[in-house]
Amino acid sequence: MAWRYCGNQIKLWRERSGVTREELGKAANYEYETIRSMEQGRRKPTLRLLEVADELCNAHGLLVAATDYLKPERFPSYSQDFANIESEAIALHSYAALLIPGLLQTEEYARTLISNSCPPLDDETVAERVAGRLQRQDKLRARRTALFGFVIYEAALRSMVGGAEAMKRQLHHLLETGELRNVAIQVLPTGCNAYPGLSGSLVLLETAAHEQFAYVEGQETGVLYSDPAKVSALTQRHGMIRMQALGAEDSARFIRKVAEEL
């Protein structure tokens, strides 16, 4: 919507000033179809086009002011509500099946995942998404009264994201973070008959007002549940997974062993 609105403003200012698409394209060094795509919101208007259009159409900075609204979002649209609630949660319990949870990822691990998205993201979006993921982690240390519990399936520990050395650094980061007094990290070994865990990852959250939420994410989609029945079902599932996981101390030894094998 930001692309469409900004593109429409360029078009309106251009037509008001009597500037043709050809003239704007020539001044900005863009093809006619490129200008048309940007005006219709099918392509993100560039800073160069905004600057040229602003000067050519005498917009006095009004078009350039749109730059801030064209910055990529730090979180995918489907996860923004979850990110907002997560930032204020007083308790968070997570189960991760195939990847290290975002709150526990190193910058190297996060950048590898995000930069290898499919379809590919542009460099600016990658940088914003990585920054957003790292910013989320501040709450682990800044809010020591908030409780964080993580259960990680063994497969996530053995996925070579970024290569062996990068993964070793990620595992050591887990050990370091697990020493925080408000953080508990458990491992669910693949040898356990933890069938509820095979259905995928989930996150349970509680707010300061004691509202209960559950979040489930998949390929290009995420659902935040507040319905008590749905939250209850996912809470029961998480409870079963947690009971079958190793304790915190045994989990730390397990993670250290996996790191030593790399």
Foldseek 3Di string as FASTA:
>chain_A
DLQQVLLCVLVVLCVVQVHDLVNLCVQLVHDSVVSVCSSRSVDHDDLSSQVSSCVSSVVVCPSNVSVVVSQAALDPPQCPVVLVQLLFFLEKEKEAEAADDLLLFDLLLLLLVQCPDVVGDDPRNSVSNSVSSPVSNVCLPVVLSRAYEYEYEVNNLPPQRVHLVSSLVSLVSVLVSCPRPRYFYWYQYPVDPLVLPVVGMKMWTAGPVRQIWIKDDDDSHIDIDRPVVVSVVVVVSSVSSVVNIDGRVVRNVVSVVSSVVD
